[in-house]
C-alpha cells in the first residue's frame, strides 16, 4: 500500500493549523509518492546488488533524519 492509498494525512502548520489548501495537499501527496518510488527503486537496487536490506533501511533513515530545511518555519 502506498502513502497515497493510505488514510489521507492532515498536514499542519508549526502553529497547529490545518493546511486546507487543495493544491498544497496535492503537491504533498505527489512529493511523497515520488519519494516512495525513488526509495523503493534504491532498495530494490541495493538488494539486487547483494546489500543487506536492513542496513539499507538504516542508512535511509539516517539520511532522512539528517535533512535540514533552508527555510524558516511559516506560522
PDB file of N, CA and C in Angstrom:
ATOM      1  N   UNK A   1       0.854  -1.183   0.000  1.00  0.00           N
ATOM      2  CA  UNK A   1       0.000   0.000   0.000  1.00  0.00           C
ATOM      3  C   UNK A   1       0.891   1.234   0.000  1.00  0.00           C
ATOM      4  N   UNK A   2       0.595   2.179  -0.842  1.00  0.00           N
ATOM      5  CA  UNK A   2       1.403   3.391  -0.932  1.00  0.00           C
ATOM      6  C   UNK A   2       0.840   4.470  -0.030  1.00  0.00           C
ATOM      7  N   UNK A   3       1.662   5.490   0.176  1.00  0.00           N
ATOM      8  CA  UNK A   3       1.237   6.617   1.007  1.00  0.00           C
ATOM      9  C   UNK A   3      -0.057   7.209   0.461  1.00  0.00           C
ATOM     10  N   UNK A   4      -0.156   7.338  -0.858  1.00  0.00           N
ATOM     11  CA  UNK A   4      -1.337   7.949  -1.450  1.00  0.00           C
ATOM     12  C   UNK A   4      -2.586   7.090  -1.300  1.00  0.00           C
ATOM     13  N   UNK A   5      -2.420   5.789  -1.039  1.00  0.00           N
ATOM     14  CA  UNK A   5      -3.569   4.906  -0.878  1.00  0.00           C
ATOM     15  C   UNK A   5      -4.005   4.793   0.573  1.00  0.00           C
ATOM     16  N   UNK A   6      -3.165   5.236   1.486  1.00  0.00           N
ATOM     17  CA  UNK A   6      -3.497   5.169   2.901  1.00  0.00           C
ATOM     18  C   UNK A   6      -4.456   6.294   3.265  1.00  0.00           C
ATOM     19  N   UNK A   7      -4.856   6.296   4.518  1.00  0.00           N
ATOM     20  CA  UNK A   7      -5.698   7.366   5.032  1.00  0.00           C
ATOM     21  C   UNK A   7      -4.998   8.706   4.784  1.00  0.00           C
ATOM     22  N   UNK A   8      -5.712   9.690   4.260  1.00  0.00           N
ATOM     23  CA  UNK A   8      -5.088  10.984   3.957  1.00  0.00           C
ATOM     24  C   UNK A   8      -4.416  11.598   5.194  1.00  0.00           C
ATOM     25  N   UNK A   9      -3.272  12.202   4.959  1.00  0.00           N
ATOM     26  CA  UNK A   9      -2.534  12.877   6.026  1.00  0.00           C
ATOM     27  C   UNK A   9      -3.104  14.273   6.195  1.00  0.00           C
ATOM     28  N   UNK A  10      -3.376  14.655   7.425  1.00  0.00           N
ATOM     29  CA  UNK A  10      -3.810  16.020   7.726  1.00  0.00           C
ATOM     30  C   UNK A  10      -2.554  16.822   8.035  1.00  0.00           C
ATOM     31  N   UNK A  11      -2.132  17.655   7.096  1.00  0.00           N
ATOM     32  CA  UNK A  11      -0.931  18.463   7.280  1.00  0.00           C
ATOM     33  C   UNK A  11      -1.250  19.654   8.162  1.00  0.00           C
ATOM     34  N   UNK A  12      -0.309  20.007   9.000  1.00  0.00           N
ATOM     35  CA  UNK A  12      -0.481  21.119   9.942  1.00  0.00           C
ATOM     36  C   UNK A  12       0.704  22.062   9.873  1.00  0.00           C
ATOM     37  N   UNK A  13       0.442  23.322  10.168  1.00  0.00           N
ATOM     38  CA  UNK A  13       1.498  24.327  10.262  1.00  0.00           C
ATOM     39  C   UNK A  13       2.210  24.148  11.596  1.00  0.00           C
ATOM     40  N   UNK A  14       3.360  24.811  11.794  1.00  0.00           N
ATOM     41  CA  UNK A  14       4.030  24.733  13.097  1.00  0.00           C
ATOM     42  C   UNK A  14       3.137  25.201  14.255  1.00  0.00           C
ATOM     43  N   UNK A  15       2.175  26.069  13.963  1.00  0.00           N
ATOM     44  CA  UNK A  15       1.249  26.547  14.991  1.00  0.00           C
ATOM     45  C   UNK A  15       0.093  25.573  15.215  1.00  0.00           C
ATOM     46  N   UNK A  16       0.014  24.515  14.419  1.00  0.00           N
ATOM     47  CA  UNK A  16      -1.033  23.511  14.589  1.00  0.00           C
ATOM     48  C   UNK A  16      -2.247  23.707  13.708  1.00  0.00           C
ATOM     49  N   UNK A  17      -2.238  24.722  12.860  1.00  0.00           N
ATOM     50  CA  UNK A  17      -3.368  24.977  11.968  1.00  0.00           C
ATOM     51  C   UNK A  17      -3.370  23.977  10.814  1.00  0.00           C
ATOM     52  N   UNK A  18      -4.548  23.525  10.424  1.00  0.00           N
ATOM     53  CA  UNK A  18      -4.678  22.575   9.314  1.00  0.00           C
ATOM     54  C   UNK A  18      -4.351  23.278   8.005  1.00  0.00           C
ATOM     55  N   UNK A  19      -3.540  22.617   7.168  1.00  0.00           N
ATOM     56  CA  UNK A  19      -3.251  23.115   5.826  1.00  0.00           C
ATOM     57  C   UNK A  19      -4.399  22.616   4.942  1.00  0.00           C
ATOM     58  N   UNK A  20      -5.327  23.506   4.642  1.00  0.00           N
ATOM     59  CA  UNK A  20      -6.550  23.111   3.943  1.00  0.00           C
ATOM     60  C   UNK A  20      -6.488  23.351   2.435  1.00  0.00           C
ATOM     61  N   UNK A  21      -5.454  24.008   1.963  1.00  0.00           N
ATOM     62  CA  UNK A  21      -5.345  24.332   0.540  1.00  0.00           C
ATOM     63  C   UNK A  21      -5.244  23.041  -0.278  1.00  0.00           C
ATOM     64  N   UNK A  22      -6.176  22.846  -1.191  1.00  0.00           N
ATOM     65  CA  UNK A  22      -6.228  21.645  -2.018  1.00  0.00           C
ATOM     66  C   UNK A  22      -4.947  21.463  -2.826  1.00  0.00           C
ATOM     67  N   UNK A  23      -4.445  22.543  -3.393  1.00  0.00           N
ATOM     68  CA  UNK A  23      -3.241  22.448  -4.222  1.00  0.00           C
ATOM     69  C   UNK A  23      -2.018  22.076  -3.384  1.00  0.00           C
ATOM     70  N   UNK A  24      -1.889  22.639  -2.189  1.00  0.00           N
ATOM     71  CA  UNK A  24      -0.759  22.299  -1.315  1.00  0.00           C
ATOM     72  C   UNK A  24      -0.821  20.826  -0.922  1.00  0.00           C
ATOM     73  N   UNK A  25      -2.001  20.338  -0.598  1.00  0.00           N
ATOM     74  CA  UNK A  25      -2.162  18.937  -0.235  1.00  0.00           C
ATOM     75  C   UNK A  25      -1.857  18.019  -1.419  1.00  0.00           C
ATOM     76  N   UNK A  26      -2.231  18.438  -2.612  1.00  0.00           N
ATOM     77  CA  UNK A  26      -1.936  17.672  -3.817  1.00  0.00           C
ATOM     78  C   UNK A  26      -0.426  17.584  -4.022  1.00  0.00           C
ATOM     79  N   UNK A  27       0.274  18.702  -3.869  1.00  0.00           N
ATOM     80  CA  UNK A  27       1.731  18.719  -4.021  1.00  0.00           C
ATOM     81  C   UNK A  27       2.389  17.803  -2.991  1.00  0.00           C
ATOM     82  N   UNK A  28       1.915  17.844  -1.757  1.00  0.00           N
ATOM     83  CA  UNK A  28       2.477  16.989  -0.715  1.00  0.00           C
ATOM     84  C   UNK A  28       2.271  15.507  -1.059  1.00  0.00           C
ATOM     85  N   UNK A  29       1.075  15.132  -1.521  1.00  0.00           N
ATOM     86  CA  UNK A  29       0.815  13.742  -1.918  1.00  0.00           C
ATOM     87  C   UNK A  29       1.746  13.317  -3.052  1.00  0.00           C
ATOM     88  N   UNK A  30       1.881  14.193  -4.051  1.00  0.00           N
ATOM     89  CA  UNK A  30       2.740  13.882  -5.195  1.00  0.00           C
ATOM     90  C   UNK A  30       4.199  13.750  -4.766  1.00  0.00           C
ATOM     91  N   UNK A  31       4.661  14.670  -3.910  1.00  0.00           N
ATOM     92  CA  UNK A  31       6.045  14.613  -3.434  1.00  0.00           C
ATOM     93  C   UNK A  31       6.313  13.314  -2.686  1.00  0.00           C
ATOM     94  N   UNK A  32       5.401  12.928  -1.798  1.00  0.00           N
ATOM     95  CA  UNK A  32       5.585  11.694  -1.039  1.00  0.00           C
ATOM     96  C   UNK A  32       5.586  10.464  -1.946  1.00  0.00           C
ATOM     97  N   UNK A  33       4.748  10.474  -2.956  1.00  0.00           N
ATOM     98  CA  UNK A  33       4.714   9.345  -3.885  1.00  0.00           C
ATOM     99  C   UNK A  33       6.021   9.269  -4.675  1.00  0.00           C
ATOM    100  N   UNK A  34       6.563  10.409  -5.103  1.00  0.00           N
ATOM    101  CA  UNK A  34       7.846  10.425  -5.809  1.00  0.00           C
ATOM    102  C   UNK A  34       8.968   9.910  -4.906  1.00  0.00           C
ATOM    103  N   UNK A  35       8.956  10.324  -3.640  1.00  0.00           N
ATOM    104  CA  UNK A  35       9.965   9.858  -2.686  1.00  0.00           C
ATOM    105  C   UNK A  35       9.826   8.354  -2.477  1.00  0.00           C
ATOM    106  N   UNK A  36       8.589   7.874  -2.332  1.00  0.00           N
ATOM    107  CA  UNK A  36       8.356   6.445  -2.135  1.00  0.00           C
ATOM    108  C   UNK A  36       8.907   5.646  -3.302  1.00  0.00           C
ATOM    109  N   UNK A  37       8.655   6.099  -4.525  1.00  0.00           N
ATOM    110  CA  UNK A  37       9.117   5.393  -5.720  1.00  0.00           C
ATOM    111  C   UNK A  37      10.644   5.384  -5.768  1.00  0.00           C
ATOM    112  N   UNK A  38      11.277   6.533  -5.496  1.00  0.00           N
ATOM    113  CA  UNK A  38      12.742   6.603  -5.517  1.00  0.00           C
ATOM    114  C   UNK A  38      13.350   5.690  -4.450  1.00  0.00           C
ATOM    115  N   UNK A  39      12.761   5.691  -3.262  1.00  0.00           N
ATOM    116  CA  UNK A  39      13.253   4.828  -2.180  1.00  0.00           C
ATOM    117  C   UNK A  39      13.063   3.354  -2.523  1.00  0.00           C
ATOM    118  N   UNK A  40      11.922   3.007  -3.101  1.00  0.00           N
ATOM    119  CA  UNK A  40      11.669   1.617  -3.494  1.00  0.00           C
ATOM    120  C   UNK A  40      12.672   1.159  -4.538  1.00  0.00           C
ATOM    121  N   UNK A  41      12.917   2.008  -5.538  1.00  0.00           N
ATOM    122  CA  UNK A  41      13.894   1.671  -6.579  1.00  0.00           C
ATOM    123  C   UNK A  41      15.285   1.473  -5.980  1.00  0.00           C
ATOM    124  N   UNK A  42      15.685   2.371  -5.070  1.00  0.00           N
ATOM    125  CA  UNK A  42      17.007   2.275  -4.443  1.00  0.00           C
ATOM    126  C   UNK A  42      17.107   1.018  -3.572  1.00  0.00           C
ATOM    127  N   UNK A  43      16.047   0.689  -2.845  1.00  0.00           N
ATOM    128  CA  UNK A  43      16.035  -0.526  -2.028  1.00  0.00           C
ATOM    129  C   UNK A  43      16.171  -1.766  -2.911  1.00  0.00           C
ATOM    130  N   UNK A  44      15.403  -1.802  -3.978  1.00  0.00           N
ATOM    131  CA  UNK A  44      15.479  -2.939  -4.896  1.00  0.00           C
ATOM    132  C   UNK A  44      16.884  -3.069  -5.490  1.00  0.00           C
ATOM    133  N   UNK A  45      17.480  -1.950  -5.902  1.00  0.00           N
ATOM    134  CA  UNK A  45      18.845  -1.978  -6.438  1.00  0.00           C
ATOM    135  C   UNK A  45      19.820  -2.522  -5.398  1.00  0.00           C
ATOM    136  N   UNK A  46      19.707  -2.033  -4.166  1.00  0.00           N
ATOM    137  CA  UNK A  46      20.617  -2.474  -3.105  1.00  0.00           C
ATOM    138  C   UNK A  46      20.519  -3.980  -2.887  1.00  0.00           C
ATOM    139  N   UNK A  47      19.290  -4.488  -2.804  1.00  0.00           N
ATOM    140  CA  UNK A  47      19.096  -5.924  -2.582  1.00  0.00           C
ATOM    141  C   UNK A  47      19.619  -6.726  -3.777  1.00  0.00           C
ATOM    142  N   UNK A  48      19.337  -6.261  -4.992  1.00  0.00           N
ATOM    143  CA  UNK A  48      19.820  -6.964  -6.187  1.00  0.00           C
ATOM    144  C   UNK A  48      21.342  -6.995  -6.257  1.00  0.00           C
ATOM    145  N   UNK A  49      22.004  -5.968  -5.693  1.00  0.00           N
ATOM    146  CA  UNK A  49      23.467  -5.911  -5.697  1.00  0.00           C
ATOM    147  C   UNK A  49      24.069  -6.650  -4.506  1.00  0.00           C
ATOM    148  N   UNK A  50      23.213  -7.269  -3.685  1.00  0.00           N
ATOM    149  CA  UNK A  50      23.700  -8.083  -2.591  1.00  0.00           C
ATOM    150  C   UNK A  50      23.833  -7.365  -1.260  1.00  0.00           C
ATOM    151  N   UNK A  51      23.357  -6.131  -1.169  1.00  0.00           N
ATOM    152  CA  UNK A  51      23.430  -5.395   0.095  1.00  0.00           C
ATOM    153  C   UNK A  51      22.366  -5.899   1.070  1.00  0.00           C
ATOM    154  N   UNK A  52      22.645  -5.736   2.350  1.00  0.00           N
ATOM    155  CA  UNK A  52      21.705  -6.122   3.382  1.00  0.00           C
ATOM    156  C   UNK A  52      20.533  -5.139   3.423  1.00  0.00           C
ATOM    157  N   UNK A  53      19.328  -5.654   3.341  1.00  0.00           N
ATOM    158  CA  UNK A  53      18.134  -4.799   3.307  1.00  0.00           C
ATOM    159  C   UNK A  53      18.018  -3.948   4.565  1.00  0.00           C
ATOM    160  N   UNK A  54      18.258  -4.535   5.725  1.00  0.00           N
ATOM    161  CA  UNK A  54      18.118  -3.782   6.977  1.00  0.00           C
ATOM    162  C   UNK A  54      19.158  -2.677   7.077  1.00  0.00           C
ATOM    163  N   UNK A  55      20.369  -2.924   6.594  1.00  0.00           N
ATOM    164  CA  UNK A  55      21.390  -1.880   6.602  1.00  0.00           C
ATOM    165  C   UNK A  55      20.970  -0.738   5.693  1.00  0.00           C
ATOM    166  N   UNK A  56      20.439  -1.066   4.519  1.00  0.00           N
ATOM    167  CA  UNK A  56      19.982  -0.012   3.612  1.00  0.00           C
ATOM    168  C   UNK A  56      18.893   0.828   4.265  1.00  0.00           C
ATOM    169  N   UNK A  57      17.936   0.159   4.902  1.00  0.00           N
ATOM    170  CA  UNK A  57      16.853   0.885   5.570  1.00  0.00           C
ATOM    171  C   UNK A  57      17.402   1.801   6.670  1.00  0.00           C
ATOM    172  N   UNK A  58      18.399   1.330   7.393  1.00  0.00           N
ATOM    173  CA  UNK A  58      19.025   2.127   8.450  1.00  0.00           C
ATOM    174  C   UNK A  58      19.715   3.358   7.868  1.00  0.00           C
ATOM    175  N   UNK A  59      20.439   3.167   6.770  1.00  0.00           N
ATOM    176  CA  UNK A  59      21.120   4.288   6.117  1.00  0.00           C
ATOM    177  C   UNK A  59      20.091   5.293   5.601  1.00  0.00           C
ATOM    178  N   UNK A  60      19.009   4.811   5.025  1.00  0.00           N
ATOM    179  CA  UNK A  60      17.961   5.690   4.523  1.00  0.00           C
ATOM    180  C   UNK A  60      17.322   6.489   5.662  1.00  0.00           C
ATOM    181  N   UNK A  61      17.083   5.838   6.789  1.00  0.00           N
ATOM    182  CA  UNK A  61      16.522   6.519   7.958  1.00  0.00           C
ATOM    183  C   UNK A  61      17.467   7.613   8.448  1.00  0.00           C
ATOM    184  N   UNK A  62      18.758   7.317   8.499  1.00  0.00           N
ATOM    185  CA  UNK A  62      19.748   8.317   8.904  1.00  0.00           C
ATOM    186  C   UNK A  62      19.777   9.485   7.930  1.00  0.00           C
ATOM    187  N   UNK A  63      19.678   9.174   6.634  1.00  0.00           N
ATOM    188  CA  UNK A  63      19.672  10.223   5.622  1.00  0.00           C
ATOM    189  C   UNK A  63      18.508  11.182   5.859  1.00  0.00           C
ATOM    190  N   UNK A  64      17.327  10.641   6.086  1.00  0.00           N
ATOM    191  CA  UNK A  64      16.142  11.467   6.302  1.00  0.00           C
ATOM    192  C   UNK A  64      16.273  12.271   7.590  1.00  0.00           C
ATOM    193  N   UNK A  65      16.766  11.628   8.648  1.00  0.00           N
ATOM    194  CA  UNK A  65      16.926  12.316   9.937  1.00  0.00           C
ATOM    195  C   UNK A  65      17.928  13.464   9.830  1.00  0.00           C
ATOM    196  N   UNK A  66      18.853  13.382   8.885  1.00  0.00           N
ATOM    197  CA  UNK A  66      19.865  14.418   8.731  1.00  0.00           C
ATOM    198  C   UNK A  66      19.471  15.571   7.818  1.00  0.00           C
ATOM    199  N   UNK A  67      18.289  15.526   7.258  1.00  0.00           N
ATOM    200  CA  UNK A  67      17.857  16.614   6.378  1.00  0.00           C
ATOM    201  C   UNK A  67      17.587  17.891   7.183  1.00  0.00           C
ATOM    202  N   UNK A  68      17.974  19.012   6.616  1.00  0.00           N
ATOM    203  CA  UNK A  68      17.695  20.323   7.200  1.00  0.00           C
ATOM    204  C   UNK A  68      17.015  21.178   6.148  1.00  0.00           C
ATOM    205  N   UNK A  69      16.098  22.020   6.588  1.00  0.00           N
ATOM    206  CA  UNK A  69      15.435  22.925   5.660  1.00  0.00           C
ATOM    207  C   UNK A  69      16.249  24.211   5.492  1.00  0.00           C
ATOM    208  N   UNK A  70      16.148  24.791   4.339  1.00  0.00           N
ATOM    209  CA  UNK A  70      16.816  26.066   4.065  1.00  0.00           C
ATOM    210  C   UNK A  70      15.895  27.242   4.382  1.00  0.00           C
ATOM    211  N   UNK A  71      14.712  26.949   4.880  1.00  0.00           N
ATOM    212  CA  UNK A  71      13.705  27.984   5.095  1.00  0.00           C
ATOM    213  C   UNK A  71      13.317  28.074   6.563  1.00  0.00           C
ATOM    214  N   UNK A  72      12.912  29.260   6.970  1.00  0.00           N
ATOM    215  CA  UNK A  72      12.369  29.448   8.313  1.00  0.00           C
ATOM    216  C   UNK A  72      10.951  28.912   8.340  1.00  0.00           C
ATOM    217  N   UNK A  73      10.531  28.305   9.455  1.00  0.00           N
ATOM    218  CA  UNK A  73       9.144  27.822   9.549  1.00  0.00           C
ATOM    219  C   UNK A  73       8.159  28.974   9.374  1.00  0.00           C
ATOM    220  N   UNK A  74       7.059  28.689   8.678  1.00  0.00           N
ATOM    221  CA  UNK A  74       5.997  29.679   8.489  1.00  0.00           C
ATOM    222  C   UNK A  74       4.931  29.444   9.541  1.00  0.00           C
ATOM    223  N   UNK A  75       4.417  30.492  10.087  1.00  0.00           N
ATOM    224  CA  UNK A  75       3.369  30.379  11.103  1.00  0.00           C
ATOM    225  C   UNK A  75       2.010  30.412  10.481  1.00  0.00           C
TER     226      UNK A  75
END
